[in-house]
Amino acid sequence: MIRHTVFTGCARPALFLGVPLVVIVLSGLATLLLAGSLSIFFSGWAALPVVIAFGIFYFWARAITKIDEWRLSQVMQSLRIRKAVRPRKSLGGILYAPFELRELKP
């Protein structure tokens, strides 16, 4: 009998330092722009909280990515949806429907 193994390396997102590449590049660029402008217009100490926040975000993203490579994108997508649509509890889960569900009359 032939055994087929699945190579999961093709389905993984590109990682850099244990975090998906798109996430690390976008957050790094945002941090660079914000910290750079704060250090130019105010002082280097004003940019320090932004750099610390980036470090915290990096370790949070790496911890989530360690569990599952796609979990970080799921968390980001759920945050994006929660911002657009107010979630409602339904049967122990969260419902992201854009309209209110109601019962049908028999």
C-alpha atoms as a PDB file:
ATOM      1  CA  MET A   1       0.000   0.000   0.000  1.00  0.00           C
ATOM      2  CA  ILE A   2       1.321   3.456  -0.890  1.00  0.00           C
ATOM      3  CA  ARG A   3       1.511   6.010   1.895  1.00  0.00           C
ATOM      4  CA  HIS A   4       1.061   9.672   0.978  1.00  0.00           C
ATOM      5  CA  THR A   5       2.462  12.252   3.354  1.00  0.00           C
ATOM      6  CA  VAL A   6       1.392  15.867   3.249  1.00  0.00           C
ATOM      7  CA  PHE A   7       4.185  18.414   3.147  1.00  0.00           C
ATOM      8  CA  THR A   8       2.862  21.235   5.321  1.00  0.00           C
ATOM      9  CA  GLY A   9       5.671  23.622   4.424  1.00  0.00           C
ATOM     10  CA  CYS A  10       3.819  24.655   1.265  1.00  0.00           C
ATOM     11  CA  ALA A  11       0.720  25.713   3.198  1.00  0.00           C
ATOM     12  CA  ARG A  12       2.510  27.785   5.857  1.00  0.00           C
ATOM     13  CA  PRO A  13       2.705  31.567   5.629  1.00  0.00           C
ATOM     14  CA  ALA A  14       6.143  33.111   5.167  1.00  0.00           C
ATOM     15  CA  LEU A  15       7.645  33.609   8.634  1.00  0.00           C
ATOM     16  CA  PHE A  16      10.321  36.037   9.786  1.00  0.00           C
ATOM     17  CA  LEU A  17      11.601  35.602  13.346  1.00  0.00           C
ATOM     18  CA  GLY A  18       8.618  33.356  14.078  1.00  0.00           C
ATOM     19  CA  VAL A  19       5.967  35.893  13.017  1.00  0.00           C
ATOM     20  CA  PRO A  20       4.191  36.013   9.634  1.00  0.00           C
ATOM     21  CA  LEU A  21       6.083  38.265   7.241  1.00  0.00           C
ATOM     22  CA  VAL A  22       3.170  40.548   6.351  1.00  0.00           C
ATOM     23  CA  VAL A  23       2.389  41.235  10.011  1.00  0.00           C
ATOM     24  CA  ILE A  24       5.988  41.937  11.007  1.00  0.00           C
ATOM     25  CA  VAL A  25       6.628  44.207   8.009  1.00  0.00           C
ATOM     26  CA  LEU A  26       3.434  46.248   8.432  1.00  0.00           C
ATOM     27  CA  SER A  27       3.820  46.650  12.183  1.00  0.00           C
ATOM     28  CA  GLY A  28       7.537  47.384  11.802  1.00  0.00           C
ATOM     29  CA  LEU A  29       6.888  50.098   9.220  1.00  0.00           C
ATOM     30  CA  ALA A  30       4.158  51.655  11.370  1.00  0.00           C
ATOM     31  CA  THR A  31       6.484  51.608  14.376  1.00  0.00           C
ATOM     32  CA  LEU A  32       9.340  53.082  12.351  1.00  0.00           C
ATOM     33  CA  LEU A  33       7.196  55.923  11.005  1.00  0.00           C
ATOM     34  CA  LEU A  34       5.590  56.746  14.348  1.00  0.00           C
ATOM     35  CA  ALA A  35       8.765  56.437  16.428  1.00  0.00           C
ATOM     36  CA  GLY A  36      10.802  58.346  13.845  1.00  0.00           C
ATOM     37  CA  SER A  37       8.369  61.221  13.685  1.00  0.00           C
ATOM     38  CA  LEU A  38       8.079  61.366  17.484  1.00  0.00           C
ATOM     39  CA  SER A  39      11.859  61.413  17.887  1.00  0.00           C
ATOM     40  CA  ILE A  40      12.234  64.156  15.252  1.00  0.00           C
ATOM     41  CA  PHE A  41       9.461  66.432  16.500  1.00  0.00           C
ATOM     42  CA  PHE A  42       9.773  65.808  20.236  1.00  0.00           C
ATOM     43  CA  SER A  43      12.616  63.677  21.605  1.00  0.00           C
ATOM     44  CA  GLY A  44      13.939  60.153  21.553  1.00  0.00           C
ATOM     45  CA  TRP A  45      12.232  59.464  24.870  1.00  0.00           C
ATOM     46  CA  ALA A  46       8.831  60.102  23.272  1.00  0.00           C
ATOM     47  CA  ALA A  47       9.493  57.268  20.815  1.00  0.00           C
ATOM     48  CA  LEU A  48      10.391  54.775  23.548  1.00  0.00           C
ATOM     49  CA  PRO A  49       6.775  53.723  24.404  1.00  0.00           C
ATOM     50  CA  VAL A  50       6.123  53.019  20.718  1.00  0.00           C
ATOM     51  CA  VAL A  51       9.176  50.768  20.481  1.00  0.00           C
ATOM     52  CA  ILE A  52       8.213  48.984  23.708  1.00  0.00           C
ATOM     53  CA  ALA A  53       4.674  48.477  22.371  1.00  0.00           C
ATOM     54  CA  PHE A  54       6.159  46.955  19.197  1.00  0.00           C
ATOM     55  CA  GLY A  55       8.210  44.553  21.329  1.00  0.00           C
ATOM     56  CA  ILE A  56       5.137  43.493  23.277  1.00  0.00           C
ATOM     57  CA  PHE A  57       3.176  43.049  20.030  1.00  0.00           C
ATOM     58  CA  TYR A  58       6.017  40.970  18.556  1.00  0.00           C
ATOM     59  CA  PHE A  59       6.141  38.561  21.500  1.00  0.00           C
ATOM     60  CA  TRP A  60       2.327  38.311  21.539  1.00  0.00           C
ATOM     61  CA  ALA A  61       2.259  37.552  17.818  1.00  0.00           C
ATOM     62  CA  ARG A  62       5.043  34.994  18.186  1.00  0.00           C
ATOM     63  CA  ALA A  63       3.228  33.247  21.038  1.00  0.00           C
ATOM     64  CA  ILE A  64       0.068  32.987  18.945  1.00  0.00           C
ATOM     65  CA  THR A  65       2.001  31.820  15.880  1.00  0.00           C
ATOM     66  CA  LYS A  66       3.708  29.110  17.933  1.00  0.00           C
ATOM     67  CA  ILE A  67       0.301  27.535  18.568  1.00  0.00           C
ATOM     68  CA  ASP A  68      -0.749  27.602  14.909  1.00  0.00           C
ATOM     69  CA  GLU A  69       0.662  29.461  11.910  1.00  0.00           C
ATOM     70  CA  TRP A  70      -2.751  30.647  10.741  1.00  0.00           C
ATOM     71  CA  ARG A  71      -4.133  31.548  14.179  1.00  0.00           C
ATOM     72  CA  LEU A  72      -2.689  35.074  14.086  1.00  0.00           C
ATOM     73  CA  SER A  73      -4.498  35.860  10.834  1.00  0.00           C
ATOM     74  CA  GLN A  74      -7.717  34.505  12.360  1.00  0.00           C
ATOM     75  CA  VAL A  75      -7.317  36.772  15.398  1.00  0.00           C
ATOM     76  CA  MET A  76      -6.615  39.808  13.202  1.00  0.00           C
ATOM     77  CA  GLN A  77      -9.633  39.019  11.008  1.00  0.00           C
ATOM     78  CA  SER A  78     -11.902  38.664  14.043  1.00  0.00           C
ATOM     79  CA  LEU A  79     -10.686  42.044  15.364  1.00  0.00           C
ATOM     80  CA  ARG A  80     -11.385  43.621  11.971  1.00  0.00           C
ATOM     81  CA  ILE A  81     -14.887  42.123  11.892  1.00  0.00           C
ATOM     82  CA  ARG A  82     -15.641  43.124  15.505  1.00  0.00           C
ATOM     83  CA  LYS A  83     -14.785  46.699  14.618  1.00  0.00           C
ATOM     84  CA  ALA A  84     -17.223  46.688  11.687  1.00  0.00           C
ATOM     85  CA  VAL A  85     -20.074  44.635  13.170  1.00  0.00           C
ATOM     86  CA  ARG A  86     -21.108  44.455  16.807  1.00  0.00           C
ATOM     87  CA  PRO A  87     -20.926  40.749  17.731  1.00  0.00           C
ATOM     88  CA  ARG A  88     -23.811  39.081  19.545  1.00  0.00           C
ATOM     89  CA  LYS A  89     -23.768  35.967  21.675  1.00  0.00           C
ATOM     90  CA  SER A  90     -25.710  33.077  20.210  1.00  0.00           C
ATOM     91  CA  LEU A  91     -25.743  29.543  21.655  1.00  0.00           C
ATOM     92  CA  GLY A  92     -22.389  29.978  23.383  1.00  0.00           C
ATOM     93  CA  GLY A  93     -20.645  31.323  20.279  1.00  0.00           C
ATOM     94  CA  ILE A  94     -20.168  34.756  18.759  1.00  0.00           C
ATOM     95  CA  LEU A  95     -22.368  35.654  15.816  1.00  0.00           C
ATOM     96  CA  TYR A  96     -20.968  38.081  13.227  1.00  0.00           C
ATOM     97  CA  ALA A  97     -24.130  38.449  11.146  1.00  0.00           C
ATOM     98  CA  PRO A  98     -24.776  41.958   9.797  1.00  0.00           C
ATOM     99  CA  PHE A  99     -28.458  41.638  10.672  1.00  0.00           C
ATOM    100  CA  GLU A 100     -30.514  40.390  13.587  1.00  0.00           C
ATOM    101  CA  LEU A 101     -31.705  36.806  13.268  1.00  0.00           C
ATOM    102  CA  ARG A 102     -35.289  36.054  14.279  1.00  0.00           C
ATOM    103  CA  GLU A 103     -37.392  32.951  14.555  1.00  0.00           C
ATOM    104  CA  LEU A 104     -39.665  31.907  11.723  1.00  0.00           C
ATOM    105  CA  LYS A 105     -43.329  31.545  12.566  1.00  0.00           C
ATOM    106  CA  PRO A 106     -44.739  28.098  11.751  1.00  0.00           C
END
